[in-house]
Amino acid sequence: MRPYNFLLSTAAGMALISACTANPPTQATSGVLTNPAGMTLYTFDKDPADAGKSACNGECAAKWPPLMATATDKASGGYSIVTRDDGSRQWAYKGKPLYLWVKDRKPGDMTGDGVNNVWHAAKP
């Protein structure tokens, strides 16, 4: 059974996919960063610059699930790990925390790019 051979459409499901990430995200051929399931990753303009911290918590994180890192994951290359307000760990790229968007339904969707002019597809 391949662990990413299904799509989930709820915030909890997307959080589950992101929680299963054991390595830094991968780059898609479309030039944007994706999780191992091929789902587009996003950055949030309201995350503090160079603070290594996420400003998206609570209801925000339900809509924009953080790309979670495990306790054993290690930073590599441009990828780092930030500690969220609740103590959990989240992947970041070049210091910007990475998120999924619950309205993306299948790999390659980028419906979160430009939302409220503060969410952007993460690019290398």
PDB file of N, CA and C in Angstrom:
ATOM      1  N   MET A   1       0.839  -1.182   0.000  1.00  0.00           N
ATOM      2  CA  MET A   1       0.000   0.000   0.000  1.00  0.00           C
ATOM      3  C   MET A   1       0.882   1.242   0.000  1.00  0.00           C
ATOM      4  N   ARG A   2       0.656   2.159  -0.916  1.00  0.00           N
ATOM      5  CA  ARG A   2       1.411   3.401  -0.960  1.00  0.00           C
ATOM      6  C   ARG A   2       0.712   4.427  -0.079  1.00  0.00           C
ATOM      7  N   PRO A   3       1.424   5.086   0.856  1.00  0.00           N
ATOM      8  CA  PRO A   3       0.779   5.956   1.831  1.00  0.00           C
ATOM      9  C   PRO A   3       0.125   7.188   1.234  1.00  0.00           C
ATOM     10  N   TYR A   4       0.498   7.634   0.040  1.00  0.00           N
ATOM     11  CA  TYR A   4      -0.076   8.855  -0.507  1.00  0.00           C
ATOM     12  C   TYR A   4      -0.947   8.556  -1.725  1.00  0.00           C
ATOM     13  N   ASN A   5      -1.533   7.359  -1.773  1.00  0.00           N
ATOM     14  CA  ASN A   5      -2.337   6.955  -2.918  1.00  0.00           C
ATOM     15  C   ASN A   5      -3.811   7.309  -2.713  1.00  0.00           C
ATOM     16  N   PHE A   6      -4.085   8.402  -2.012  1.00  0.00           N
ATOM     17  CA  PHE A   6      -5.447   8.826  -1.779  1.00  0.00           C
ATOM     18  C   PHE A   6      -5.454  10.335  -1.565  1.00  0.00           C
ATOM     19  N   LEU A   7      -6.620  10.940  -1.721  1.00  0.00           N
ATOM     20  CA  LEU A   7      -6.773  12.375  -1.488  1.00  0.00           C
ATOM     21  C   LEU A   7      -7.708  12.570  -0.314  1.00  0.00           C
ATOM     22  N   LEU A   8      -7.419  13.551   0.495  1.00  0.00           N
ATOM     23  CA  LEU A   8      -8.269  13.903   1.625  1.00  0.00           C
ATOM     24  C   LEU A   8      -8.739  15.327   1.430  1.00  0.00           C
ATOM     25  N   SER A   9      -9.977  15.621   1.773  1.00  0.00           N
ATOM     26  CA  SER A   9     -10.503  16.947   1.490  1.00  0.00           C
ATOM     27  C   SER A   9     -10.772  17.779   2.738  1.00  0.00           C
ATOM     28  N   THR A  10     -10.431  17.287   3.905  1.00  0.00           N
ATOM     29  CA  THR A  10     -10.687  18.052   5.115  1.00  0.00           C
ATOM     30  C   THR A  10      -9.390  18.602   5.672  1.00  0.00           C
ATOM     31  N   ALA A  11      -9.508  19.581   6.532  1.00  0.00           N
ATOM     32  CA  ALA A  11      -8.327  20.153   7.171  1.00  0.00           C
ATOM     33  C   ALA A  11      -7.588  19.084   7.961  1.00  0.00           C
ATOM     34  N   ALA A  12      -8.338  18.232   8.643  1.00  0.00           N
ATOM     35  CA  ALA A  12      -7.700  17.167   9.421  1.00  0.00           C
ATOM     36  C   ALA A  12      -6.957  16.210   8.505  1.00  0.00           C
ATOM     37  N   GLY A  13      -7.545  15.910   7.368  1.00  0.00           N
ATOM     38  CA  GLY A  13      -6.892  15.018   6.425  1.00  0.00           C
ATOM     39  C   GLY A  13      -5.622  15.625   5.875  1.00  0.00           C
ATOM     40  N   MET A  14      -5.660  16.893   5.538  1.00  0.00           N
ATOM     41  CA  MET A  14      -4.469  17.557   5.025  1.00  0.00           C
ATOM     42  C   MET A  14      -3.399  17.620   6.115  1.00  0.00           C
ATOM     43  N   ALA A  15      -3.819  17.857   7.343  1.00  0.00           N
ATOM     44  CA  ALA A  15      -2.862  17.876   8.442  1.00  0.00           C
ATOM     45  C   ALA A  15      -2.220  16.501   8.600  1.00  0.00           C
ATOM     46  N   LEU A  16      -3.002  15.444   8.386  1.00  0.00           N
ATOM     47  CA  LEU A  16      -2.468  14.094   8.473  1.00  0.00           C
ATOM     48  C   LEU A  16      -1.403  13.879   7.405  1.00  0.00           C
ATOM     49  N   ILE A  17      -1.675  14.298   6.174  1.00  0.00           N
ATOM     50  CA  ILE A  17      -0.676  14.162   5.123  1.00  0.00           C
ATOM     51  C   ILE A  17       0.579  14.929   5.506  1.00  0.00           C
ATOM     52  N   SER A  18       0.410  16.163   5.988  1.00  0.00           N
ATOM     53  CA  SER A  18       1.589  16.957   6.326  1.00  0.00           C
ATOM     54  C   SER A  18       2.306  16.376   7.530  1.00  0.00           C
ATOM     55  N   ALA A  19       1.573  15.786   8.451  1.00  0.00           N
ATOM     56  CA  ALA A  19       2.204  15.213   9.634  1.00  0.00           C
ATOM     57  C   ALA A  19       3.042  13.991   9.289  1.00  0.00           C
ATOM     58  N   CYS A  20       2.747  13.354   8.167  1.00  0.00           N
ATOM     59  CA  CYS A  20       3.481  12.163   7.771  1.00  0.00           C
ATOM     60  C   CYS A  20       4.785  12.475   7.047  1.00  0.00           C
ATOM     61  N   THR A  21       5.079  13.730   6.840  1.00  0.00           N
ATOM     62  CA  THR A  21       6.280  14.108   6.110  1.00  0.00           C
ATOM     63  C   THR A  21       7.508  13.833   6.959  1.00  0.00           C
ATOM     64  N   ALA A  22       8.374  12.949   6.496  1.00  0.00           N
ATOM     65  CA  ALA A  22       9.559  12.583   7.260  1.00  0.00           C
ATOM     66  C   ALA A  22      10.816  13.255   6.728  1.00  0.00           C
ATOM     67  N   ASN A  23      10.754  13.847   5.562  1.00  0.00           N
ATOM     68  CA  ASN A  23      11.898  14.492   4.950  1.00  0.00           C
ATOM     69  C   ASN A  23      11.484  15.869   4.485  1.00  0.00           C
ATOM     70  N   PRO A  24      12.477  16.715   4.161  1.00  0.00           N
ATOM     71  CA  PRO A  24      12.086  18.022   3.639  1.00  0.00           C
ATOM     72  C   PRO A  24      11.193  17.867   2.411  1.00  0.00           C
ATOM     73  N   PRO A  25      10.322  18.844   2.167  1.00  0.00           N
ATOM     74  CA  PRO A  25       9.442  18.799   1.004  1.00  0.00           C
ATOM     75  C   PRO A  25      10.245  18.684  -0.285  1.00  0.00           C
ATOM     76  N   THR A  26       9.578  18.327  -1.343  1.00  0.00           N
ATOM     77  CA  THR A  26      10.244  18.186  -2.632  1.00  0.00           C
ATOM     78  C   THR A  26       9.789  19.286  -3.573  1.00  0.00           C
ATOM     79  N   GLN A  27      10.565  19.542  -4.601  1.00  0.00           N
ATOM     80  CA  GLN A  27      10.194  20.541  -5.588  1.00  0.00           C
ATOM     81  C   GLN A  27       9.445  19.867  -6.726  1.00  0.00           C
ATOM     82  N   ALA A  28       8.319  20.431  -7.101  1.00  0.00           N
ATOM     83  CA  ALA A  28       7.546  19.907  -8.220  1.00  0.00           C
ATOM     84  C   ALA A  28       8.149  20.408  -9.526  1.00  0.00           C
ATOM     85  N   THR A  29       7.816  19.731 -10.599  1.00  0.00           N
ATOM     86  CA  THR A  29       8.311  20.150 -11.907  1.00  0.00           C
ATOM     87  C   THR A  29       7.734  21.493 -12.320  1.00  0.00           C
ATOM     88  N   SER A  30       6.647  21.913 -11.688  1.00  0.00           N
ATOM     89  CA  SER A  30       6.025  23.194 -12.034  1.00  0.00           C
ATOM     90  C   SER A  30       6.763  24.377 -11.419  1.00  0.00           C
ATOM     91  N   GLY A  31       7.831  24.111 -10.660  1.00  0.00           N
ATOM     92  CA  GLY A  31       8.608  25.194 -10.070  1.00  0.00           C
ATOM     93  C   GLY A  31       8.130  25.647  -8.712  1.00  0.00           C
ATOM     94  N   VAL A  32       7.206  24.914  -8.101  1.00  0.00           N
ATOM     95  CA  VAL A  32       6.768  25.234  -6.747  1.00  0.00           C
ATOM     96  C   VAL A  32       7.113  24.072  -5.828  1.00  0.00           C
ATOM     97  N   LEU A  33       7.221  24.365  -4.542  1.00  0.00           N
ATOM     98  CA  LEU A  33       7.500  23.323  -3.561  1.00  0.00           C
ATOM     99  C   LEU A  33       6.229  22.561  -3.256  1.00  0.00           C
ATOM    100  N   THR A  34       6.374  21.244  -3.078  1.00  0.00           N
ATOM    101  CA  THR A  34       5.237  20.390  -2.746  1.00  0.00           C
ATOM    102  C   THR A  34       5.611  19.472  -1.595  1.00  0.00           C
ATOM    103  N   ASN A  35       4.600  18.895  -0.962  1.00  0.00           N
ATOM    104  CA  ASN A  35       4.859  17.837   0.006  1.00  0.00           C
ATOM    105  C   ASN A  35       5.058  16.535  -0.777  1.00  0.00           C
ATOM    106  N   PRO A  36       5.415  15.423  -0.125  1.00  0.00           N
ATOM    107  CA  PRO A  36       5.644  14.177  -0.863  1.00  0.00           C
ATOM    108  C   PRO A  36       4.435  13.685  -1.662  1.00  0.00           C
ATOM    109  N   ALA A  37       3.228  14.104  -1.293  1.00  0.00           N
ATOM    110  CA  ALA A  37       2.027  13.706  -2.024  1.00  0.00           C
ATOM    111  C   ALA A  37       1.792  14.588  -3.245  1.00  0.00           C
ATOM    112  N   GLY A  38       2.663  15.571  -3.475  1.00  0.00           N
ATOM    113  CA  GLY A  38       2.526  16.446  -4.635  1.00  0.00           C
ATOM    114  C   GLY A  38       1.634  17.646  -4.415  1.00  0.00           C
ATOM    115  N   MET A  39       1.218  17.868  -3.171  1.00  0.00           N
ATOM    116  CA  MET A  39       0.352  19.009  -2.864  1.00  0.00           C
ATOM    117  C   MET A  39       1.197  20.278  -2.719  1.00  0.00           C
ATOM    118  N   THR A  40       0.713  21.356  -3.303  1.00  0.00           N
ATOM    119  CA  THR A  40       1.418  22.636  -3.297  1.00  0.00           C
ATOM    120  C   THR A  40       1.602  23.146  -1.874  1.00  0.00           C
ATOM    121  N   LEU A  41       2.781  23.709  -1.626  1.00  0.00           N
ATOM    122  CA  LEU A  41       3.076  24.342  -0.339  1.00  0.00           C
ATOM    123  C   LEU A  41       3.039  25.856  -0.513  1.00  0.00           C
ATOM    124  N   TYR A  42       2.694  26.536   0.569  1.00  0.00           N
ATOM    125  CA  TYR A  42       2.505  27.990   0.547  1.00  0.00           C
ATOM    126  C   TYR A  42       3.273  28.673   1.669  1.00  0.00           C
ATOM    127  N   THR A  43       3.538  29.960   1.452  1.00  0.00           N
ATOM    128  CA  THR A  43       4.102  30.818   2.498  1.00  0.00           C
ATOM    129  C   THR A  43       3.085  31.911   2.807  1.00  0.00           C
ATOM    130  N   PHE A  44       3.235  32.508   3.985  1.00  0.00           N
ATOM    131  CA  PHE A  44       2.295  33.490   4.525  1.00  0.00           C
ATOM    132  C   PHE A  44       3.050  34.785   4.798  1.00  0.00           C
ATOM    133  N   ASP A  45       2.644  35.879   4.145  1.00  0.00           N
ATOM    134  CA  ASP A  45       3.337  37.161   4.311  1.00  0.00           C
ATOM    135  C   ASP A  45       3.315  37.675   5.749  1.00  0.00           C
ATOM    136  N   LYS A  46       2.348  37.248   6.552  1.00  0.00           N
ATOM    137  CA  LYS A  46       2.250  37.745   7.926  1.00  0.00           C
ATOM    138  C   LYS A  46       3.153  37.008   8.903  1.00  0.00           C
ATOM    139  N   ASP A  47       3.837  35.960   8.435  1.00  0.00           N
ATOM    140  CA  ASP A  47       4.832  35.319   9.295  1.00  0.00           C
ATOM    141  C   ASP A  47       5.964  36.318   9.490  1.00  0.00           C
ATOM    142  N   PRO A  48       6.431  36.484  10.740  1.00  0.00           N
ATOM    143  CA  PRO A  48       7.486  37.463  10.985  1.00  0.00           C
ATOM    144  C   PRO A  48       8.748  37.167  10.178  1.00  0.00           C
ATOM    145  N   ALA A  49       9.272  38.182   9.523  1.00  0.00           N
ATOM    146  CA  ALA A  49      10.494  38.025   8.728  1.00  0.00           C
ATOM    147  C   ALA A  49      11.657  37.641   9.623  1.00  0.00           C
ATOM    148  N   ASP A  50      12.401  36.645   9.206  1.00  0.00           N
ATOM    149  CA  ASP A  50      13.612  36.191   9.894  1.00  0.00           C
ATOM    150  C   ASP A  50      13.392  35.796  11.350  1.00  0.00           C
ATOM    151  N   ALA A  51      12.140  35.542  11.753  1.00  0.00           N
ATOM    152  CA  ALA A  51      11.886  35.159  13.141  1.00  0.00           C
ATOM    153  C   ALA A  51      11.830  33.650  13.314  1.00  0.00           C
ATOM    154  N   GLY A  52      11.711  32.913  12.203  1.00  0.00           N
ATOM    155  CA  GLY A  52      11.617  31.465  12.306  1.00  0.00           C
ATOM    156  C   GLY A  52      10.408  31.046  13.113  1.00  0.00           C
ATOM    157  N   LYS A  53       9.276  31.694  12.859  1.00  0.00           N
ATOM    158  CA  LYS A  53       8.074  31.466  13.646  1.00  0.00           C
ATOM    159  C   LYS A  53       6.853  31.585  12.755  1.00  0.00           C
ATOM    160  N   SER A  54       5.796  30.874  13.112  1.00  0.00           N
ATOM    161  CA  SER A  54       4.549  30.929  12.372  1.00  0.00           C
ATOM    162  C   SER A  54       3.551  31.854  13.053  1.00  0.00           C
ATOM    163  N   ALA A  55       2.870  32.665  12.245  1.00  0.00           N
ATOM    164  CA  ALA A  55       1.802  33.531  12.756  1.00  0.00           C
ATOM    165  C   ALA A  55       0.429  32.929  12.462  1.00  0.00           C
ATOM    166  N   CYS A  56       0.403  31.745  11.863  1.00  0.00           N
ATOM    167  CA  CYS A  56      -0.856  31.102  11.477  1.00  0.00           C
ATOM    168  C   CYS A  56      -1.173  29.990  12.478  1.00  0.00           C
ATOM    169  N   ASN A  57      -2.093  30.286  13.374  1.00  0.00           N
ATOM    170  CA  ASN A  57      -2.494  29.340  14.413  1.00  0.00           C
ATOM    171  C   ASN A  57      -4.014  29.290  14.480  1.00  0.00           C
ATOM    172  N   GLY A  58      -4.558  28.375  15.244  1.00  0.00           N
ATOM    173  CA  GLY A  58      -6.003  28.302  15.452  1.00  0.00           C
ATOM    174  C   GLY A  58      -6.768  28.114  14.158  1.00  0.00           C
ATOM    175  N   GLU A  59      -7.768  28.988  13.920  1.00  0.00           N
ATOM    176  CA  GLU A  59      -8.607  28.900  12.726  1.00  0.00           C
ATOM    177  C   GLU A  59      -7.780  29.021  11.451  1.00  0.00           C
ATOM    178  N   CYS A  60      -6.765  29.859  11.479  1.00  0.00           N
ATOM    179  CA  CYS A  60      -5.880  30.000  10.319  1.00  0.00           C
ATOM    180  C   CYS A  60      -5.239  28.654   9.984  1.00  0.00           C
ATOM    181  N   ALA A  61      -4.714  27.958  10.979  1.00  0.00           N
ATOM    182  CA  ALA A  61      -4.043  26.679  10.749  1.00  0.00           C
ATOM    183  C   ALA A  61      -5.024  25.581  10.334  1.00  0.00           C
ATOM    184  N   ALA A  62      -6.307  25.744  10.641  1.00  0.00           N
ATOM    185  CA  ALA A  62      -7.304  24.781  10.179  1.00  0.00           C
ATOM    186  C   ALA A  62      -7.493  24.908   8.668  1.00  0.00           C
ATOM    187  N   LYS A  63      -7.383  26.134   8.144  1.00  0.00           N
ATOM    188  CA  LYS A  63      -7.526  26.366   6.706  1.00  0.00           C
ATOM    189  C   LYS A  63      -6.198  26.195   5.974  1.00  0.00           C
ATOM    190  N   TRP A  64      -5.122  26.493   6.669  1.00  0.00           N
ATOM    191  CA  TRP A  64      -3.770  26.434   6.103  1.00  0.00           C
ATOM    192  C   TRP A  64      -2.935  25.520   6.994  1.00  0.00           C
ATOM    193  N   PRO A  65      -3.127  24.193   6.895  1.00  0.00           N
ATOM    194  CA  PRO A  65      -2.396  23.280   7.784  1.00  0.00           C
ATOM    195  C   PRO A  65      -0.883  23.423   7.616  1.00  0.00           C
ATOM    196  N   PRO A  66      -0.184  23.564   8.726  1.00  0.00           N
ATOM    197  CA  PRO A  66       1.279  23.640   8.650  1.00  0.00           C
ATOM    198  C   PRO A  66       1.867  22.323   8.155  1.00  0.00           C
ATOM    199  N   LEU A  67       2.966  22.414   7.448  1.00  0.00           N
ATOM    200  CA  LEU A  67       3.691  21.212   7.031  1.00  0.00           C
ATOM    201  C   LEU A  67       4.528  20.787   8.231  1.00  0.00           C
ATOM    202  N   MET A  68       4.029  19.789   8.939  1.00  0.00           N
ATOM    203  CA  MET A  68       4.628  19.402  10.202  1.00  0.00           C
ATOM    204  C   MET A  68       5.903  18.585  10.015  1.00  0.00           C
ATOM    205  N   ALA A  69       6.822  18.765  10.942  1.00  0.00           N
ATOM    206  CA  ALA A  69       8.060  17.987  10.995  1.00  0.00           C
ATOM    207  C   ALA A  69       8.002  17.109  12.241  1.00  0.00           C
ATOM    208  N   THR A  70       8.618  15.957  12.169  1.00  0.00           N
ATOM    209  CA  THR A  70       8.652  15.063  13.320  1.00  0.00           C
ATOM    210  C   THR A  70       9.804  15.456  14.246  1.00  0.00           C
ATOM    211  N   ALA A  71       9.830  14.851  15.402  1.00  0.00           N
ATOM    212  CA  ALA A  71      10.891  15.124  16.366  1.00  0.00           C
ATOM    213  C   ALA A  71      12.258  14.690  15.855  1.00  0.00           C
ATOM    214  N   THR A  72      12.285  13.743  14.930  1.00  0.00           N
ATOM    215  CA  THR A  72      13.570  13.242  14.424  1.00  0.00           C
ATOM    216  C   THR A  72      14.007  13.896  13.113  1.00  0.00           C
ATOM    217  N   ASP A  73      13.137  14.699  12.490  1.00  0.00           N
ATOM    218  CA  ASP A  73      13.510  15.382  11.245  1.00  0.00           C
ATOM    219  C   ASP A  73      14.638  16.369  11.510  1.00  0.00           C
ATOM    220  N   LYS A  74      15.505  16.514  10.522  1.00  0.00           N
ATOM    221  CA  LYS A  74      16.652  17.419  10.624  1.00  0.00           C
ATOM    222  C   LYS A  74      16.635  18.405   9.469  1.00  0.00           C
ATOM    223  N   ALA A  75      17.011  19.645   9.767  1.00  0.00           N
ATOM    224  CA  ALA A  75      17.117  20.681   8.739  1.00  0.00           C
ATOM    225  C   ALA A  75      18.160  20.261   7.720  1.00  0.00           C
ATOM    226  N   SER A  76      17.951  20.681   6.469  1.00  0.00           N
ATOM    227  CA  SER A  76      18.848  20.295   5.396  1.00  0.00           C
ATOM    228  C   SER A  76      18.755  21.322   4.273  1.00  0.00           C
ATOM    229  N   GLY A  77      19.896  21.756   3.747  1.00  0.00           N
ATOM    230  CA  GLY A  77      19.898  22.712   2.648  1.00  0.00           C
ATOM    231  C   GLY A  77      19.172  23.982   3.045  1.00  0.00           C
ATOM    232  N   GLY A  78      18.229  24.430   2.219  1.00  0.00           N
ATOM    233  CA  GLY A  78      17.457  25.639   2.521  1.00  0.00           C
ATOM    234  C   GLY A  78      16.306  25.396   3.474  1.00  0.00           C
ATOM    235  N   TYR A  79      16.117  24.119   3.874  1.00  0.00           N
ATOM    236  CA  TYR A  79      15.008  23.778   4.762  1.00  0.00           C
ATOM    237  C   TYR A  79      15.436  23.867   6.222  1.00  0.00           C
ATOM    238  N   SER A  80      14.558  24.433   7.025  1.00  0.00           N
ATOM    239  CA  SER A  80      14.779  24.496   8.467  1.00  0.00           C
ATOM    240  C   SER A  80      13.490  24.061   9.148  1.00  0.00           C
ATOM    241  N   ILE A  81      13.550  23.972  10.454  1.00  0.00           N
ATOM    242  CA  ILE A  81      12.377  23.591  11.232  1.00  0.00           C
ATOM    243  C   ILE A  81      12.142  24.676  12.270  1.00  0.00           C
ATOM    244  N   VAL A  82      10.905  25.171  12.331  1.00  0.00           N
ATOM    245  CA  VAL A  82      10.545  26.184  13.315  1.00  0.00           C
ATOM    246  C   VAL A  82       9.645  25.552  14.365  1.00  0.00           C
ATOM    247  N   THR A  83       9.649  26.117  15.547  1.00  0.00           N
ATOM    248  CA  THR A  83       8.782  25.636  16.621  1.00  0.00           C
ATOM    249  C   THR A  83       7.540  26.516  16.662  1.00  0.00           C
ATOM    250  N   ARG A  84       6.388  25.876  16.587  1.00  0.00           N
ATOM    251  CA  ARG A  84       5.113  26.596  16.618  1.00  0.00           C
ATOM    252  C   ARG A  84       4.741  26.978  18.042  1.00  0.00           C
ATOM    253  N   ASP A  85       3.745  27.843  18.188  1.00  0.00           N
ATOM    254  CA  ASP A  85       3.312  28.310  19.511  1.00  0.00           C
ATOM    255  C   ASP A  85       2.931  27.166  20.439  1.00  0.00           C
ATOM    256  N   ASP A  86       2.402  26.064  19.876  1.00  0.00           N
ATOM    257  CA  ASP A  86       1.998  24.929  20.716  1.00  0.00           C
ATOM    258  C   ASP A  86       3.141  23.949  20.989  1.00  0.00           C
ATOM    259  N   GLY A  87       4.357  24.277  20.504  1.00  0.00           N
ATOM    260  CA  GLY A  87       5.522  23.427  20.729  1.00  0.00           C
ATOM    261  C   GLY A  87       5.776  22.416  19.619  1.00  0.00           C
ATOM    262  N   SER A  88       4.837  22.270  18.686  1.00  0.00           N
ATOM    263  CA  SER A  88       5.052  21.338  17.572  1.00  0.00           C
ATOM    264  C   SER A  88       6.061  21.948  16.597  1.00  0.00           C
ATOM    265  N   ARG A  89       6.536  21.108  15.689  1.00  0.00           N
ATOM    266  CA  ARG A  89       7.588  21.532  14.758  1.00  0.00           C
ATOM    267  C   ARG A  89       7.027  21.607  13.341  1.00  0.00           C
ATOM    268  N   GLN A  90       7.471  22.626  12.600  1.00  0.00           N
ATOM    269  CA  GLN A  90       6.979  22.879  11.250  1.00  0.00           C
ATOM    270  C   GLN A  90       8.150  23.130  10.316  1.00  0.00           C
ATOM    271  N   TRP A  91       8.047  22.577   9.090  1.00  0.00           N
ATOM    272  CA  TRP A  91       9.065  22.817   8.085  1.00  0.00           C
ATOM    273  C   TRP A  91       8.997  24.262   7.603  1.00  0.00           C
ATOM    274  N   ALA A  92      10.157  24.818   7.290  1.00  0.00           N
ATOM    275  CA  ALA A  92      10.262  26.152   6.699  1.00  0.00           C
ATOM    276  C   ALA A  92      11.266  26.068   5.553  1.00  0.00           C
ATOM    277  N   TYR A  93      11.120  26.964   4.597  1.00  0.00           N
ATOM    278  CA  TYR A  93      12.077  27.052   3.496  1.00  0.00           C
ATOM    279  C   TYR A  93      12.615  28.470   3.471  1.00  0.00           C
ATOM    280  N   LYS A  94      13.929  28.580   3.569  1.00  0.00           N
ATOM    281  CA  LYS A  94      14.601  29.887   3.647  1.00  0.00           C
ATOM    282  C   LYS A  94      13.962  30.751   4.725  1.00  0.00           C
ATOM    283  N   GLY A  95      13.654  30.112   5.855  1.00  0.00           N
ATOM    284  CA  GLY A  95      13.114  30.805   7.018  1.00  0.00           C
ATOM    285  C   GLY A  95      11.614  31.040   7.007  1.00  0.00           C
ATOM    286  N   LYS A  96      10.942  30.740   5.896  1.00  0.00           N
ATOM    287  CA  LYS A  96       9.491  30.959   5.792  1.00  0.00           C
ATOM    288  C   LYS A  96       8.757  29.651   6.068  1.00  0.00           C
ATOM    289  N   PRO A  97       7.919  29.598   7.122  1.00  0.00           N
ATOM    290  CA  PRO A  97       7.142  28.389   7.395  1.00  0.00           C
ATOM    291  C   PRO A  97       6.297  27.980   6.180  1.00  0.00           C
ATOM    292  N   LEU A  98       6.102  26.675   6.024  1.00  0.00           N
ATOM    293  CA  LEU A  98       5.381  26.121   4.879  1.00  0.00           C
ATOM    294  C   LEU A  98       4.025  25.560   5.308  1.00  0.00           C
ATOM    295  N   TYR A  99       3.032  25.762   4.442  1.00  0.00           N
ATOM    296  CA  TYR A  99       1.650  25.374   4.718  1.00  0.00           C
ATOM    297  C   TYR A  99       1.024  24.699   3.498  1.00  0.00           C
ATOM    298  N   LEU A 100      -0.040  23.942   3.759  1.00  0.00           N
ATOM    299  CA  LEU A 100      -0.918  23.415   2.723  1.00  0.00           C
ATOM    300  C   LEU A 100      -2.181  24.275   2.726  1.00  0.00           C
ATOM    301  N   TRP A 101      -3.053  24.096   1.748  1.00  0.00           N
ATOM    302  CA  TRP A 101      -4.317  24.846   1.663  1.00  0.00           C
ATOM    303  C   TRP A 101      -5.436  23.834   1.503  1.00  0.00           C
ATOM    304  N   VAL A 102      -6.443  23.896   2.369  1.00  0.00           N
ATOM    305  CA  VAL A 102      -7.496  22.878   2.374  1.00  0.00           C
ATOM    306  C   VAL A 102      -8.322  22.850   1.097  1.00  0.00           C
ATOM    307  N   LYS A 103      -8.322  23.907   0.316  1.00  0.00           N
ATOM    308  CA  LYS A 103      -9.122  23.917  -0.915  1.00  0.00           C
ATOM    309  C   LYS A 103      -8.396  23.284  -2.097  1.00  0.00           C
ATOM    310  N   ASP A 104      -7.116  23.004  -1.954  1.00  0.00           N
ATOM    311  CA  ASP A 104      -6.421  22.233  -2.988  1.00  0.00           C
ATOM    312  C   ASP A 104      -6.894  20.789  -2.846  1.00  0.00           C
ATOM    313  N   ARG A 105      -7.394  20.219  -3.926  1.00  0.00           N
ATOM    314  CA  ARG A 105      -7.986  18.883  -3.872  1.00  0.00           C
ATOM    315  C   ARG A 105      -7.095  17.782  -4.416  1.00  0.00           C
ATOM    316  N   LYS A 106      -6.193  18.144  -5.341  1.00  0.00           N
ATOM    317  CA  LYS A 106      -5.354  17.113  -5.952  1.00  0.00           C
ATOM    318  C   LYS A 106      -3.964  17.681  -6.213  1.00  0.00           C
ATOM    319  N   PRO A 107      -2.973  16.807  -6.349  1.00  0.00           N
ATOM    320  CA  PRO A 107      -1.624  17.277  -6.654  1.00  0.00           C
ATOM    321  C   PRO A 107      -1.642  18.200  -7.869  1.00  0.00           C
ATOM    322  N   GLY A 108      -0.904  19.275  -7.759  1.00  0.00           N
ATOM    323  CA  GLY A 108      -0.842  20.258  -8.845  1.00  0.00           C
ATOM    324  C   GLY A 108      -1.785  21.424  -8.661  1.00  0.00           C
ATOM    325  N   ASP A 109      -2.828  21.277  -7.830  1.00  0.00           N
ATOM    326  CA  ASP A 109      -3.710  22.415  -7.554  1.00  0.00           C
ATOM    327  C   ASP A 109      -2.911  23.517  -6.876  1.00  0.00           C
ATOM    328  N   MET A 110      -3.200  24.757  -7.217  1.00  0.00           N
ATOM    329  CA  MET A 110      -2.538  25.918  -6.600  1.00  0.00           C
ATOM    330  C   MET A 110      -3.582  26.994  -6.308  1.00  0.00           C
ATOM    331  N   THR A 111      -4.749  26.575  -5.810  1.00  0.00           N
ATOM    332  CA  THR A 111      -5.845  27.515  -5.597  1.00  0.00           C
ATOM    333  C   THR A 111      -5.578  28.500  -4.467  1.00  0.00           C
ATOM    334  N   GLY A 112      -4.563  28.238  -3.649  1.00  0.00           N
ATOM    335  CA  GLY A 112      -4.245  29.148  -2.551  1.00  0.00           C
ATOM    336  C   GLY A 112      -3.309  30.277  -2.940  1.00  0.00           C
ATOM    337  N   ASP A 113      -2.723  30.193  -4.134  1.00  0.00           N
ATOM    338  CA  ASP A 113      -1.766  31.215  -4.551  1.00  0.00           C
ATOM    339  C   ASP A 113      -2.473  32.553  -4.735  1.00  0.00           C
ATOM    340  N   GLY A 114      -2.077  33.548  -3.924  1.00  0.00           N
ATOM    341  CA  GLY A 114      -2.644  34.889  -4.018  1.00  0.00           C
ATOM    342  C   GLY A 114      -3.836  35.144  -3.115  1.00  0.00           C
ATOM    343  N   VAL A 115      -4.267  34.152  -2.323  1.00  0.00           N
ATOM    344  CA  VAL A 115      -5.414  34.365  -1.442  1.00  0.00           C
ATOM    345  C   VAL A 115      -5.133  35.550  -0.517  1.00  0.00           C
ATOM    346  N   ASN A 116      -6.071  36.480  -0.485  1.00  0.00           N
ATOM    347  CA  ASN A 116      -5.984  37.701   0.343  1.00  0.00           C
ATOM    348  C   ASN A 116      -4.683  38.474   0.127  1.00  0.00           C
ATOM    349  N   ASN A 117      -4.031  38.235  -0.973  1.00  0.00           N
ATOM    350  CA  ASN A 117      -2.747  38.887  -1.288  1.00  0.00           C
ATOM    351  C   ASN A 117      -1.669  38.650  -0.237  1.00  0.00           C
ATOM    352  N   VAL A 118      -1.816  37.597   0.587  1.00  0.00           N
ATOM    353  CA  VAL A 118      -0.803  37.301   1.614  1.00  0.00           C
ATOM    354  C   VAL A 118      -0.323  35.850   1.563  1.00  0.00           C
ATOM    355  N   TRP A 119      -0.975  35.007   0.760  1.00  0.00           N
ATOM    356  CA  TRP A 119      -0.582  33.605   0.629  1.00  0.00           C
ATOM    357  C   TRP A 119       0.002  33.399  -0.762  1.00  0.00           C
ATOM    358  N   HIS A 120       1.147  32.699  -0.824  1.00  0.00           N
ATOM    359  CA  HIS A 120       1.839  32.514  -2.099  1.00  0.00           C
ATOM    360  C   HIS A 120       2.372  31.090  -2.208  1.00  0.00           C
ATOM    361  N   ALA A 121       2.291  30.535  -3.411  1.00  0.00           N
ATOM    362  CA  ALA A 121       2.917  29.236  -3.655  1.00  0.00           C
ATOM    363  C   ALA A 121       4.397  29.380  -3.341  1.00  0.00           C
ATOM    364  N   ALA A 122       4.930  28.445  -2.562  1.00  0.00           N
ATOM    365  CA  ALA A 122       6.349  28.485  -2.172  1.00  0.00           C
ATOM    366  C   ALA A 122       7.204  28.088  -3.364  1.00  0.00           C
ATOM    367  N   LYS A 123       8.184  28.914  -3.666  1.00  0.00           N
ATOM    368  CA  LYS A 123       9.071  28.648  -4.803  1.00  0.00           C
ATOM    369  C   LYS A 123      10.506  28.578  -4.316  1.00  0.00           C
ATOM    370  N   PRO A 124      11.286  27.708  -4.958  1.00  0.00           N
ATOM    371  CA  PRO A 124      12.693  27.593  -4.545  1.00  0.00           C
ATOM    372  C   PRO A 124      13.503  28.822  -4.939  1.00  0.00           C
TER     373      PRO A 124
END
